[in-house]
Amino acid sequence: MEAEFAHEFIRAKGTFAYPPIIAAGASNNVLHYVQNDQVCRKGDLLLLDVAAGLGNYMSDLTRTIPVSGRFTRRQKQVYNAVLRVFRQMLKQMVPGRTTKDLRWECEQLIAEECVGLGLLKPAQLKKQTPDKPAAKPYFMHGVAHPIGLDVHDVTYNHYQIAPGWVLTCEPAIYIPQEGFGVRLENTIVVTADGQVDLMAGIPFLADEIEGLMHRR
């Protein structure tokens, strides 16, 4: 899989924007997995955190797809939970917010989805604080970072987002005890009038991904 991406990027005069993460099965619970040498097996989810750099500017993209071409019922439950959080967080990426604000909001949304997935109990949500979010066992990183000349552009998490900022939106739910995780990520431009999803044309819905894989 990594070789296929390298072929396409080089052919278009691009490069990898960062070391690619191509992780199947339980390995997709490892945040910065770069071994990329395991066999993809039927029943696995394959996490593809791979994007191109071109003309000194970088992009960032993550998709989680079923190796067999079909999600299991449980995999699709988790996938759709992450997708719901992505859609809600995208709307929150507006001028005046900070990436610290976005992280706390995302942690709360993930925690609510984890209750629905049977991973957390409602009582655990009542006890959470910004320093001890209930979702941390299943979501342990930020939901947005600036991107441009570098995949992680230099900033501070208390800086207010302004029109023209380019950010990632990358919620996830990792379930090591079930042997898989799901992360979804697009690169977003923040404007005074809303958001522009630079990757809106790349298949994103679970049914859309299954349909594409079964046409091949």
N, C-alpha and C. Protein backbone atom coordinates (compact mmCIF):
# COMPACT_ATOMS: atom_id res chain seq x y z
N MET A 1 0.83 -1.20 0.00
CA MET A 1 0.00 0.00 0.00
C MET A 1 0.87 1.26 0.00
N GLU A 2 1.92 1.27 0.82
CA GLU A 2 2.80 2.43 0.86
C GLU A 2 3.44 2.66 -0.51
N ALA A 3 3.84 1.58 -1.16
CA ALA A 3 4.48 1.69 -2.48
C ALA A 3 3.52 2.28 -3.51
N GLU A 4 2.24 1.92 -3.42
CA GLU A 4 1.26 2.46 -4.36
C GLU A 4 1.11 3.98 -4.19
N PHE A 5 1.06 4.42 -2.93
CA PHE A 5 0.98 5.86 -2.68
C PHE A 5 2.23 6.57 -3.19
N ALA A 6 3.41 5.99 -2.91
CA ALA A 6 4.67 6.60 -3.36
C ALA A 6 4.68 6.75 -4.88
N HIS A 7 4.20 5.72 -5.57
CA HIS A 7 4.15 5.76 -7.03
C HIS A 7 3.29 6.92 -7.54
N GLU A 8 2.10 7.07 -6.95
CA GLU A 8 1.19 8.12 -7.39
C GLU A 8 1.72 9.51 -7.06
N PHE A 9 2.29 9.66 -5.86
CA PHE A 9 2.79 10.97 -5.46
C PHE A 9 3.96 11.39 -6.34
N ILE A 10 4.91 10.48 -6.56
CA ILE A 10 6.09 10.80 -7.36
C ILE A 10 5.70 11.09 -8.80
N ARG A 11 4.76 10.32 -9.33
CA ARG A 11 4.31 10.52 -10.70
C ARG A 11 3.73 11.92 -10.90
N ALA A 12 3.13 12.48 -9.84
CA ALA A 12 2.53 13.82 -9.91
C ALA A 12 3.48 14.90 -9.39
N LYS A 13 4.79 14.54 -9.28
CA LYS A 13 5.82 15.46 -8.81
C LYS A 13 5.62 15.89 -7.36
N GLY A 14 4.99 15.02 -6.59
CA GLY A 14 4.79 15.28 -5.17
C GLY A 14 5.67 14.40 -4.31
N THR A 15 5.38 14.41 -3.03
CA THR A 15 6.12 13.60 -2.07
C THR A 15 5.20 13.28 -0.91
N PHE A 16 5.64 12.41 0.00
CA PHE A 16 4.89 12.20 1.23
C PHE A 16 5.00 13.47 2.09
N ALA A 17 3.88 13.93 2.61
CA ALA A 17 3.89 15.10 3.49
C ALA A 17 4.50 14.78 4.85
N TYR A 18 4.51 13.49 5.21
CA TYR A 18 5.04 13.03 6.49
C TYR A 18 5.19 11.51 6.37
N PRO A 19 5.92 10.87 7.28
CA PRO A 19 6.04 9.41 7.20
C PRO A 19 4.65 8.77 7.24
N PRO A 20 4.28 8.00 6.24
CA PRO A 20 2.91 7.46 6.18
C PRO A 20 2.63 6.44 7.26
N ILE A 21 1.39 6.45 7.74
CA ILE A 21 0.91 5.48 8.72
C ILE A 21 -0.08 4.56 8.00
N ILE A 22 0.30 3.32 7.81
CA ILE A 22 -0.55 2.35 7.11
C ILE A 22 -0.64 1.13 8.01
N ALA A 23 -1.71 1.07 8.79
CA ALA A 23 -1.79 0.13 9.91
C ALA A 23 -3.05 -0.71 9.84
N ALA A 24 -2.89 -2.01 9.81
CA ALA A 24 -4.02 -2.93 9.76
C ALA A 24 -4.23 -3.61 11.11
N GLY A 25 -5.49 -3.98 11.38
CA GLY A 25 -5.80 -4.72 12.60
C GLY A 25 -5.47 -3.92 13.85
N ALA A 26 -4.94 -4.59 14.86
CA ALA A 26 -4.66 -3.95 16.14
C ALA A 26 -3.63 -2.84 16.02
N SER A 27 -2.79 -2.86 14.98
CA SER A 27 -1.76 -1.83 14.81
C SER A 27 -2.36 -0.45 14.61
N ASN A 28 -3.64 -0.36 14.17
CA ASN A 28 -4.19 0.97 13.94
C ASN A 28 -4.60 1.67 15.23
N ASN A 29 -4.33 1.04 16.37
CA ASN A 29 -4.47 1.71 17.66
C ASN A 29 -3.17 2.43 18.06
N VAL A 30 -2.10 2.23 17.28
CA VAL A 30 -0.82 2.88 17.56
C VAL A 30 -0.80 4.21 16.81
N LEU A 31 -0.70 5.32 17.53
CA LEU A 31 -0.92 6.63 16.93
C LEU A 31 0.04 6.94 15.79
N HIS A 32 1.32 6.68 15.98
CA HIS A 32 2.30 7.00 14.95
C HIS A 32 3.01 5.73 14.48
N TYR A 33 2.21 4.76 14.13
CA TYR A 33 2.72 3.49 13.59
C TYR A 33 3.37 3.75 12.23
N VAL A 34 4.62 3.32 12.06
CA VAL A 34 5.31 3.54 10.78
C VAL A 34 6.00 2.27 10.27
N GLN A 35 5.71 1.13 10.88
CA GLN A 35 6.35 -0.11 10.45
C GLN A 35 5.87 -0.51 9.04
N ASN A 36 4.58 -0.42 8.83
CA ASN A 36 4.00 -0.56 7.49
C ASN A 36 4.47 -1.81 6.75
N ASP A 37 4.56 -2.95 7.45
CA ASP A 37 5.03 -4.16 6.77
C ASP A 37 4.21 -5.40 7.10
N GLN A 38 3.04 -5.20 7.73
CA GLN A 38 2.23 -6.35 8.11
C GLN A 38 1.23 -6.70 7.00
N VAL A 39 0.87 -7.97 6.94
CA VAL A 39 -0.11 -8.43 5.96
C VAL A 39 -1.50 -7.93 6.36
N CYS A 40 -2.25 -7.41 5.38
CA CYS A 40 -3.62 -6.98 5.63
C CYS A 40 -4.53 -8.20 5.49
N ARG A 41 -5.26 -8.52 6.54
CA ARG A 41 -6.06 -9.75 6.57
C ARG A 41 -7.55 -9.45 6.55
N LYS A 42 -8.31 -10.36 5.99
CA LYS A 42 -9.76 -10.23 5.95
C LYS A 42 -10.30 -10.03 7.37
N GLY A 43 -11.19 -9.09 7.51
CA GLY A 43 -11.74 -8.76 8.83
C GLY A 43 -11.05 -7.58 9.50
N ASP A 44 -9.83 -7.24 9.03
CA ASP A 44 -9.10 -6.10 9.58
C ASP A 44 -9.67 -4.79 9.05
N LEU A 45 -9.49 -3.73 9.83
CA LEU A 45 -9.63 -2.39 9.32
C LEU A 45 -8.23 -1.86 9.01
N LEU A 46 -8.09 -1.20 7.89
CA LEU A 46 -6.81 -0.63 7.48
C LEU A 46 -6.88 0.89 7.65
N LEU A 47 -6.06 1.42 8.53
CA LEU A 47 -6.00 2.86 8.76
C LEU A 47 -4.92 3.44 7.85
N LEU A 48 -5.33 4.39 7.02
CA LEU A 48 -4.42 5.04 6.07
C LEU A 48 -4.29 6.51 6.44
N ASP A 49 -3.23 6.86 7.15
CA ASP A 49 -2.92 8.27 7.46
C ASP A 49 -1.79 8.65 6.50
N VAL A 50 -2.18 9.05 5.31
CA VAL A 50 -1.24 9.26 4.21
C VAL A 50 -1.68 10.48 3.42
N ALA A 51 -0.75 11.40 3.14
CA ALA A 51 -1.10 12.56 2.34
C ALA A 51 0.14 13.08 1.62
N ALA A 52 -0.11 13.92 0.63
CA ALA A 52 0.95 14.41 -0.24
C ALA A 52 1.40 15.82 0.13
N GLY A 53 2.65 16.10 -0.22
CA GLY A 53 3.18 17.45 -0.21
C GLY A 53 3.49 17.85 -1.64
N LEU A 54 3.22 19.11 -1.99
CA LEU A 54 3.46 19.58 -3.35
C LEU A 54 3.74 21.08 -3.31
N GLY A 55 4.80 21.51 -3.98
CA GLY A 55 5.12 22.93 -4.03
C GLY A 55 5.40 23.52 -2.66
N ASN A 56 6.01 22.74 -1.79
CA ASN A 56 6.39 23.16 -0.43
C ASN A 56 5.22 23.27 0.54
N TYR A 57 4.00 22.87 0.11
CA TYR A 57 2.86 22.87 1.02
C TYR A 57 2.40 21.44 1.29
N MET A 58 1.91 21.21 2.49
CA MET A 58 1.57 19.87 2.95
C MET A 58 0.06 19.71 3.14
N SER A 59 -0.38 18.48 3.07
CA SER A 59 -1.77 18.15 3.37
C SER A 59 -1.78 17.02 4.38
N ASP A 60 -2.96 16.68 4.89
CA ASP A 60 -3.07 15.63 5.90
C ASP A 60 -4.44 14.96 5.71
N LEU A 61 -4.43 13.64 5.64
CA LEU A 61 -5.64 12.88 5.35
C LEU A 61 -5.58 11.54 6.07
N THR A 62 -6.70 11.12 6.65
CA THR A 62 -6.80 9.76 7.20
C THR A 62 -8.13 9.15 6.78
N ARG A 63 -8.07 7.92 6.34
CA ARG A 63 -9.25 7.11 6.08
C ARG A 63 -9.06 5.76 6.76
N THR A 64 -10.14 5.15 7.18
CA THR A 64 -10.12 3.80 7.76
C THR A 64 -11.05 2.94 6.93
N ILE A 65 -10.50 1.91 6.30
CA ILE A 65 -11.27 1.12 5.35
C ILE A 65 -11.21 -0.36 5.70
N PRO A 66 -12.22 -1.15 5.32
CA PRO A 66 -12.21 -2.58 5.61
C PRO A 66 -11.41 -3.35 4.55
N VAL A 67 -10.48 -4.17 4.99
CA VAL A 67 -9.64 -4.93 4.05
C VAL A 67 -10.51 -5.80 3.13
N SER A 68 -11.56 -6.38 3.68
CA SER A 68 -12.43 -7.27 2.90
C SER A 68 -13.37 -6.52 1.97
N GLY A 69 -13.47 -5.21 2.15
CA GLY A 69 -14.42 -4.43 1.37
C GLY A 69 -15.75 -4.20 2.06
N ARG A 70 -15.95 -4.85 3.21
CA ARG A 70 -17.18 -4.68 4.00
C ARG A 70 -16.83 -4.49 5.46
N PHE A 71 -17.45 -3.49 6.08
CA PHE A 71 -17.32 -3.32 7.52
C PHE A 71 -18.17 -4.36 8.23
N THR A 72 -17.69 -4.83 9.39
CA THR A 72 -18.58 -5.61 10.24
C THR A 72 -19.57 -4.65 10.89
N ARG A 73 -20.62 -5.21 11.50
CA ARG A 73 -21.62 -4.36 12.15
C ARG A 73 -20.98 -3.48 13.21
N ARG A 74 -20.11 -4.06 14.02
CA ARG A 74 -19.46 -3.30 15.08
C ARG A 74 -18.51 -2.25 14.51
N GLN A 75 -17.74 -2.62 13.51
CA GLN A 75 -16.83 -1.66 12.90
C GLN A 75 -17.59 -0.47 12.33
N LYS A 76 -18.73 -0.73 11.71
CA LYS A 76 -19.52 0.36 11.14
C LYS A 76 -20.13 1.23 12.24
N GLN A 77 -20.50 0.63 13.36
CA GLN A 77 -21.01 1.42 14.50
C GLN A 77 -19.96 2.44 14.94
N VAL A 78 -18.74 1.97 15.11
CA VAL A 78 -17.67 2.85 15.57
C VAL A 78 -17.34 3.88 14.49
N TYR A 79 -17.28 3.43 13.25
CA TYR A 79 -16.98 4.34 12.13
C TYR A 79 -17.99 5.49 12.10
N ASN A 80 -19.27 5.16 12.17
CA ASN A 80 -20.31 6.20 12.09
C ASN A 80 -20.30 7.11 13.31
N ALA A 81 -19.88 6.58 14.46
CA ALA A 81 -19.74 7.42 15.66
C ALA A 81 -18.66 8.47 15.43
N VAL A 82 -17.53 8.06 14.87
CA VAL A 82 -16.44 9.00 14.59
C VAL A 82 -16.87 10.00 13.52
N LEU A 83 -17.61 9.54 12.54
CA LEU A 83 -18.09 10.44 11.48
C LEU A 83 -19.02 11.51 12.05
N ARG A 84 -19.88 11.12 12.97
CA ARG A 84 -20.77 12.12 13.59
C ARG A 84 -19.97 13.18 14.33
N VAL A 85 -18.92 12.76 15.03
CA VAL A 85 -18.09 13.72 15.76
C VAL A 85 -17.36 14.63 14.76
N PHE A 86 -16.86 14.05 13.68
CA PHE A 86 -16.19 14.87 12.66
C PHE A 86 -17.10 15.98 12.17
N ARG A 87 -18.33 15.64 11.84
CA ARG A 87 -19.26 16.63 11.31
C ARG A 87 -19.56 17.73 12.32
N GLN A 88 -19.68 17.35 13.58
CA GLN A 88 -19.95 18.36 14.62
C GLN A 88 -18.73 19.24 14.85
N MET A 89 -17.54 18.63 14.85
CA MET A 89 -16.33 19.42 15.10
C MET A 89 -16.02 20.35 13.93
N LEU A 90 -16.32 19.94 12.74
CA LEU A 90 -16.08 20.79 11.58
C LEU A 90 -16.81 22.12 11.73
N LYS A 91 -18.03 22.08 12.24
CA LYS A 91 -18.82 23.29 12.42
C LYS A 91 -18.23 24.21 13.50
N GLN A 92 -17.44 23.64 14.40
CA GLN A 92 -16.87 24.42 15.50
C GLN A 92 -15.56 25.12 15.12
N MET A 93 -15.06 24.83 13.92
CA MET A 93 -13.79 25.42 13.49
C MET A 93 -14.07 26.79 12.89
N VAL A 94 -14.16 27.77 13.77
CA VAL A 94 -14.52 29.13 13.38
C VAL A 94 -13.53 30.12 14.00
N PRO A 95 -13.40 31.31 13.43
CA PRO A 95 -12.52 32.32 14.02
C PRO A 95 -12.87 32.60 15.48
N GLY A 96 -11.84 32.79 16.27
CA GLY A 96 -12.02 33.11 17.68
C GLY A 96 -11.86 31.91 18.60
N ARG A 97 -12.04 30.70 18.07
CA ARG A 97 -11.83 29.50 18.88
C ARG A 97 -10.35 29.20 18.94
N THR A 98 -9.97 28.29 19.82
CA THR A 98 -8.59 27.81 19.89
C THR A 98 -8.58 26.30 19.71
N THR A 99 -7.43 25.75 19.38
CA THR A 99 -7.35 24.28 19.24
C THR A 99 -7.53 23.62 20.60
N LYS A 100 -7.22 24.33 21.68
CA LYS A 100 -7.47 23.80 23.02
C LYS A 100 -8.98 23.68 23.27
N ASP A 101 -9.73 24.71 22.87
CA ASP A 101 -11.20 24.65 22.98
C ASP A 101 -11.73 23.45 22.21
N LEU A 102 -11.25 23.29 20.98
CA LEU A 102 -11.74 22.22 20.11
C LEU A 102 -11.46 20.85 20.70
N ARG A 103 -10.31 20.70 21.32
CA ARG A 103 -9.96 19.39 21.89
C ARG A 103 -10.94 19.00 23.00
N TRP A 104 -11.24 19.95 23.89
CA TRP A 104 -12.15 19.64 25.00
C TRP A 104 -13.54 19.31 24.48
N GLU A 105 -14.01 20.06 23.50
CA GLU A 105 -15.33 19.78 22.93
C GLU A 105 -15.35 18.41 22.27
N CYS A 106 -14.28 18.08 21.56
CA CYS A 106 -14.21 16.78 20.90
C CYS A 106 -14.17 15.64 21.92
N GLU A 107 -13.43 15.85 23.00
CA GLU A 107 -13.37 14.82 24.04
C GLU A 107 -14.76 14.55 24.63
N GLN A 108 -15.54 15.60 24.80
CA GLN A 108 -16.89 15.40 25.33
C GLN A 108 -17.78 14.65 24.34
N LEU A 109 -17.68 15.00 23.06
CA LEU A 109 -18.48 14.32 22.04
C LEU A 109 -18.08 12.85 21.92
N ILE A 110 -16.78 12.60 21.94
CA ILE A 110 -16.29 11.21 21.87
C ILE A 110 -16.80 10.42 23.08
N ALA A 111 -16.77 11.04 24.26
CA ALA A 111 -17.24 10.36 25.47
C ALA A 111 -18.72 9.98 25.34
N GLU A 112 -19.52 10.89 24.80
CA GLU A 112 -20.94 10.60 24.61
C GLU A 112 -21.13 9.44 23.63
N GLU A 113 -20.33 9.41 22.57
CA GLU A 113 -20.43 8.31 21.61
C GLU A 113 -19.96 7.00 22.25
N CYS A 114 -18.98 7.08 23.14
CA CYS A 114 -18.48 5.88 23.80
C CYS A 114 -19.54 5.27 24.73
N VAL A 115 -20.40 6.12 25.28
CA VAL A 115 -21.53 5.59 26.08
C VAL A 115 -22.44 4.78 25.17
N GLY A 116 -22.77 5.33 24.01
CA GLY A 116 -23.62 4.62 23.08
C GLY A 116 -23.01 3.33 22.56
N LEU A 117 -21.68 3.28 22.53
CA LEU A 117 -20.98 2.07 22.06
C LEU A 117 -20.72 1.07 23.18
N GLY A 118 -21.15 1.41 24.40
CA GLY A 118 -20.97 0.51 25.52
C GLY A 118 -19.57 0.51 26.10
N LEU A 119 -18.78 1.55 25.79
CA LEU A 119 -17.40 1.63 26.28
C LEU A 119 -17.29 2.43 27.58
N LEU A 120 -18.23 3.34 27.79
CA LEU A 120 -18.25 4.14 29.01
C LEU A 120 -19.66 4.13 29.59
N LYS A 121 -19.75 4.47 30.87
CA LYS A 121 -21.04 4.59 31.54
C LYS A 121 -21.37 6.07 31.72
N PRO A 122 -22.65 6.44 31.72
CA PRO A 122 -23.03 7.85 31.87
C PRO A 122 -22.41 8.51 33.11
N ALA A 123 -22.28 7.76 34.19
CA ALA A 123 -21.71 8.32 35.42
C ALA A 123 -20.28 8.79 35.21
N GLN A 124 -19.55 8.16 34.32
CA GLN A 124 -18.17 8.55 34.07
C GLN A 124 -18.08 9.92 33.41
N LEU A 125 -19.10 10.27 32.62
CA LEU A 125 -19.11 11.58 31.97
C LEU A 125 -19.29 12.70 32.97
N LYS A 126 -20.06 12.44 34.02
CA LYS A 126 -20.32 13.47 35.02
C LYS A 126 -19.07 13.80 35.83
N LYS A 127 -18.13 12.88 35.89
CA LYS A 127 -16.93 13.07 36.69
C LYS A 127 -15.77 13.67 35.90
N GLN A 128 -15.93 13.79 34.58
CA GLN A 128 -14.78 14.21 33.78
C GLN A 128 -14.47 15.69 33.94
N THR A 129 -13.21 16.04 33.74
CA THR A 129 -12.74 17.41 33.76
C THR A 129 -11.83 17.59 32.55
N PRO A 130 -11.49 18.84 32.20
CA PRO A 130 -10.56 19.04 31.07
C PRO A 130 -9.23 18.32 31.27
N ASP A 131 -8.80 18.17 32.51
CA ASP A 131 -7.54 17.47 32.78
C ASP A 131 -7.71 15.95 32.80
N LYS A 132 -8.92 15.50 33.04
CA LYS A 132 -9.19 14.06 33.10
C LYS A 132 -10.46 13.73 32.31
N PRO A 133 -10.37 13.82 30.97
CA PRO A 133 -11.55 13.53 30.15
C PRO A 133 -11.90 12.05 30.20
N ALA A 134 -13.18 11.76 30.22
CA ALA A 134 -13.62 10.36 30.29
C ALA A 134 -13.21 9.57 29.06
N ALA A 135 -13.07 10.27 27.92
CA ALA A 135 -12.78 9.59 26.66
C ALA A 135 -11.31 9.24 26.47
N LYS A 136 -10.44 9.65 27.40
CA LYS A 136 -9.00 9.50 27.16
C LYS A 136 -8.55 8.08 26.83
N PRO A 137 -9.13 7.03 27.42
CA PRO A 137 -8.69 5.67 27.04
C PRO A 137 -8.97 5.35 25.57
N TYR A 138 -9.88 6.09 24.96
CA TYR A 138 -10.28 5.79 23.59
C TYR A 138 -9.94 6.91 22.60
N PHE A 139 -9.50 8.06 23.12
CA PHE A 139 -9.13 9.19 22.26
C PHE A 139 -8.12 10.02 23.03
N MET A 140 -6.86 9.96 22.61
CA MET A 140 -5.79 10.53 23.42
C MET A 140 -4.93 11.58 22.71
N HIS A 141 -5.50 12.19 21.66
CA HIS A 141 -4.75 13.24 20.97
C HIS A 141 -5.68 14.40 20.63
N GLY A 142 -5.13 15.45 20.08
CA GLY A 142 -5.94 16.60 19.71
C GLY A 142 -6.79 16.32 18.48
N VAL A 143 -7.73 17.22 18.22
CA VAL A 143 -8.62 17.04 17.06
C VAL A 143 -8.24 17.95 15.91
N ALA A 144 -7.34 18.91 16.15
CA ALA A 144 -6.99 19.86 15.09
C ALA A 144 -5.59 20.40 15.32
N HIS A 145 -4.88 20.59 14.21
CA HIS A 145 -3.59 21.28 14.26
C HIS A 145 -3.42 22.08 12.97
N PRO A 146 -2.76 23.24 13.05
CA PRO A 146 -2.49 24.02 11.83
C PRO A 146 -1.56 23.25 10.90
N ILE A 147 -1.72 23.47 9.61
CA ILE A 147 -0.91 22.78 8.61
C ILE A 147 -0.64 23.73 7.45
N GLY A 148 0.53 23.60 6.86
CA GLY A 148 0.89 24.46 5.72
C GLY A 148 2.26 24.09 5.21
N LEU A 149 3.27 24.88 5.57
CA LEU A 149 4.63 24.58 5.15
C LEU A 149 5.16 23.32 5.82
N ASP A 150 4.58 22.98 6.94
CA ASP A 150 4.88 21.73 7.62
C ASP A 150 3.55 21.07 7.97
N VAL A 151 3.57 19.76 8.16
CA VAL A 151 2.31 19.08 8.46
C VAL A 151 1.77 19.51 9.83
N HIS A 152 2.68 19.88 10.73
CA HIS A 152 2.29 20.48 12.01
C HIS A 152 2.93 21.86 12.05
N ASP A 153 2.23 22.86 11.56
CA ASP A 153 2.78 24.21 11.56
C ASP A 153 2.94 24.71 13.00
N VAL A 154 3.90 25.59 13.17
CA VAL A 154 4.22 26.11 14.50
C VAL A 154 3.09 27.01 15.00
N THR A 155 2.63 26.74 16.21
CA THR A 155 1.60 27.57 16.83
C THR A 155 1.53 27.23 18.31
N TYR A 156 0.60 27.85 19.02
CA TYR A 156 0.31 27.52 20.41
C TYR A 156 -1.19 27.24 20.52
N ASN A 157 -1.54 26.34 21.44
CA ASN A 157 -2.95 25.92 21.50
C ASN A 157 -3.88 26.98 22.08
N HIS A 158 -3.30 28.11 22.55
CA HIS A 158 -4.17 29.19 23.05
C HIS A 158 -4.34 30.29 22.01
N TYR A 159 -3.70 30.18 20.85
CA TYR A 159 -3.89 31.17 19.80
C TYR A 159 -5.29 31.05 19.21
N GLN A 160 -5.91 32.19 18.96
CA GLN A 160 -7.25 32.17 18.38
C GLN A 160 -7.19 31.93 16.87
N ILE A 161 -8.03 31.04 16.42
CA ILE A 161 -8.12 30.74 14.99
C ILE A 161 -8.62 31.99 14.26
N ALA A 162 -8.04 32.27 13.09
CA ALA A 162 -8.41 33.44 12.30
C ALA A 162 -8.76 33.00 10.88
N PRO A 163 -9.53 33.80 10.15
CA PRO A 163 -9.83 33.46 8.76
C PRO A 163 -8.53 33.24 7.97
N GLY A 164 -8.52 32.21 7.16
CA GLY A 164 -7.33 31.87 6.39
C GLY A 164 -6.51 30.76 7.00
N TRP A 165 -6.78 30.42 8.26
CA TRP A 165 -6.06 29.30 8.86
C TRP A 165 -6.45 28.00 8.15
N VAL A 166 -5.47 27.13 7.99
CA VAL A 166 -5.71 25.79 7.48
C VAL A 166 -5.46 24.81 8.62
N LEU A 167 -6.46 23.99 8.90
CA LEU A 167 -6.42 23.07 10.05
C LEU A 167 -6.80 21.66 9.61
N THR A 168 -6.39 20.70 10.40
CA THR A 168 -6.94 19.35 10.25
C THR A 168 -8.15 19.20 11.16
N CYS A 169 -9.01 18.26 10.81
CA CYS A 169 -10.09 17.82 11.69
C CYS A 169 -9.96 16.31 11.77
N GLU A 170 -9.60 15.78 12.95
CA GLU A 170 -9.25 14.36 13.02
C GLU A 170 -9.71 13.67 14.32
N PRO A 171 -11.01 13.49 14.48
CA PRO A 171 -11.49 12.71 15.63
C PRO A 171 -11.22 11.22 15.41
N ALA A 172 -11.27 10.48 16.49
CA ALA A 172 -10.99 9.04 16.42
C ALA A 172 -11.56 8.34 17.63
N ILE A 173 -11.73 7.04 17.50
CA ILE A 173 -12.02 6.16 18.64
C ILE A 173 -11.15 4.92 18.47
N TYR A 174 -10.32 4.67 19.48
CA TYR A 174 -9.43 3.50 19.46
C TYR A 174 -9.91 2.51 20.52
N ILE A 175 -10.05 1.26 20.13
CA ILE A 175 -10.54 0.23 21.06
C ILE A 175 -9.56 -0.95 21.04
N PRO A 176 -8.45 -0.83 21.75
CA PRO A 176 -7.45 -1.90 21.73
C PRO A 176 -8.01 -3.26 22.11
N GLN A 177 -8.95 -3.26 23.08
CA GLN A 177 -9.49 -4.54 23.54
C GLN A 177 -10.32 -5.24 22.47
N GLU A 178 -10.74 -4.50 21.45
CA GLU A 178 -11.49 -5.10 20.35
C GLU A 178 -10.64 -5.25 19.09
N GLY A 179 -9.39 -4.82 19.19
CA GLY A 179 -8.45 -5.05 18.09
C GLY A 179 -8.55 -4.11 16.91
N PHE A 180 -9.18 -2.95 17.10
CA PHE A 180 -9.21 -1.98 15.99
C PHE A 180 -9.50 -0.58 16.50
N GLY A 181 -9.18 0.37 15.65
CA GLY A 181 -9.53 1.76 15.91
C GLY A 181 -9.97 2.40 14.61
N VAL A 182 -10.61 3.56 14.72
CA VAL A 182 -11.08 4.31 13.56
C VAL A 182 -10.66 5.76 13.72
N ARG A 183 -9.98 6.29 12.71
CA ARG A 183 -9.67 7.72 12.68
C ARG A 183 -10.05 8.25 11.30
N LEU A 184 -10.64 9.45 11.29
CA LEU A 184 -11.02 10.12 10.06
C LEU A 184 -10.42 11.53 10.09
N GLU A 185 -9.89 11.97 8.96
CA GLU A 185 -9.21 13.27 8.96
C GLU A 185 -9.25 13.91 7.58
N ASN A 186 -9.62 15.19 7.57
CA ASN A 186 -9.54 16.02 6.37
C ASN A 186 -8.80 17.31 6.68
N THR A 187 -8.35 17.98 5.65
CA THR A 187 -7.70 19.28 5.79
C THR A 187 -8.72 20.36 5.46
N ILE A 188 -8.83 21.35 6.35
CA ILE A 188 -9.92 22.33 6.32
C ILE A 188 -9.36 23.75 6.24
N VAL A 189 -10.01 24.61 5.47
CA VAL A 189 -9.70 26.05 5.48
C VAL A 189 -10.81 26.76 6.25
N VAL A 190 -10.42 27.57 7.22
CA VAL A 190 -11.38 28.36 8.00
C VAL A 190 -11.54 29.73 7.33
N THR A 191 -12.78 30.14 7.10
CA THR A 191 -13.06 31.46 6.53
C THR A 191 -13.98 32.22 7.48
N ALA A 192 -14.21 33.47 7.17
CA ALA A 192 -15.12 34.28 7.99
C ALA A 192 -16.55 33.80 7.85
N ASP A 193 -16.84 33.07 6.79
CA ASP A 193 -18.21 32.62 6.52
C ASP A 193 -18.43 31.13 6.73
N GLY A 194 -17.44 30.44 7.26
CA GLY A 194 -17.59 29.00 7.46
C GLY A 194 -16.31 28.26 7.13
N GLN A 195 -16.46 26.99 6.77
CA GLN A 195 -15.31 26.15 6.52
C GLN A 195 -15.32 25.64 5.08
N VAL A 196 -14.14 25.45 4.54
CA VAL A 196 -13.99 24.81 3.23
C VAL A 196 -13.21 23.52 3.45
N ASP A 197 -13.87 22.40 3.19
CA ASP A 197 -13.23 21.09 3.34
C ASP A 197 -12.50 20.78 2.04
N LEU A 198 -11.17 20.83 2.08
CA LEU A 198 -10.36 20.61 0.88
C LEU A 198 -10.42 19.17 0.40
N MET A 199 -10.96 18.27 1.22
CA MET A 199 -10.98 16.85 0.87
C MET A 199 -12.40 16.30 0.80
N ALA A 200 -13.36 17.19 0.60
CA ALA A 200 -14.76 16.78 0.59
C ALA A 200 -15.06 15.81 -0.54
N GLY A 201 -14.26 15.82 -1.60
CA GLY A 201 -14.52 14.94 -2.73
C GLY A 201 -13.94 13.54 -2.59
N ILE A 202 -13.24 13.28 -1.50
CA ILE A 202 -12.64 11.95 -1.28
C ILE A 202 -13.63 11.09 -0.50
N PRO A 203 -13.92 9.86 -0.96
CA PRO A 203 -14.93 9.02 -0.28
C PRO A 203 -14.75 9.00 1.23
N PHE A 204 -15.89 9.16 1.93
CA PHE A 204 -15.85 9.34 3.38
C PHE A 204 -16.87 8.48 4.11
N LEU A 205 -18.08 8.37 3.56
CA LEU A 205 -19.13 7.59 4.21
C LEU A 205 -18.79 6.10 4.12
N ALA A 206 -19.21 5.34 5.13
CA ALA A 206 -18.92 3.90 5.16
C ALA A 206 -19.52 3.21 3.93
N ASP A 207 -20.76 3.52 3.61
CA ASP A 207 -21.40 2.90 2.44
C ASP A 207 -20.70 3.30 1.15
N GLU A 208 -20.23 4.53 1.10
CA GLU A 208 -19.52 5.03 -0.08
C GLU A 208 -18.20 4.27 -0.27
N ILE A 209 -17.50 4.03 0.81
CA ILE A 209 -16.24 3.29 0.74
C ILE A 209 -16.49 1.85 0.32
N GLU A 210 -17.49 1.21 0.91
CA GLU A 210 -17.82 -0.17 0.54
C GLU A 210 -18.19 -0.25 -0.94
N GLY A 211 -18.98 0.70 -1.41
CA GLY A 211 -19.38 0.69 -2.81
C GLY A 211 -18.21 0.85 -3.75
N LEU A 212 -17.28 1.73 -3.40
CA LEU A 212 -16.10 1.94 -4.22
C LEU A 212 -15.22 0.70 -4.26
N MET A 213 -15.04 0.06 -3.10
CA MET A 213 -14.19 -1.12 -3.05
C MET A 213 -14.78 -2.30 -3.83
N HIS A 214 -16.09 -2.37 -3.89
CA HIS A 214 -16.73 -3.50 -4.59
C HIS A 214 -16.91 -3.25 -6.08
N ARG A 215 -16.53 -2.05 -6.54
CA ARG A 215 -16.54 -1.80 -7.98
C ARG A 215 -15.21 -2.18 -8.61
N ARG A 216 -14.22 -2.44 -7.77
CA ARG A 216 -12.87 -2.73 -8.27
C ARG A 216 -12.75 -4.22 -8.62
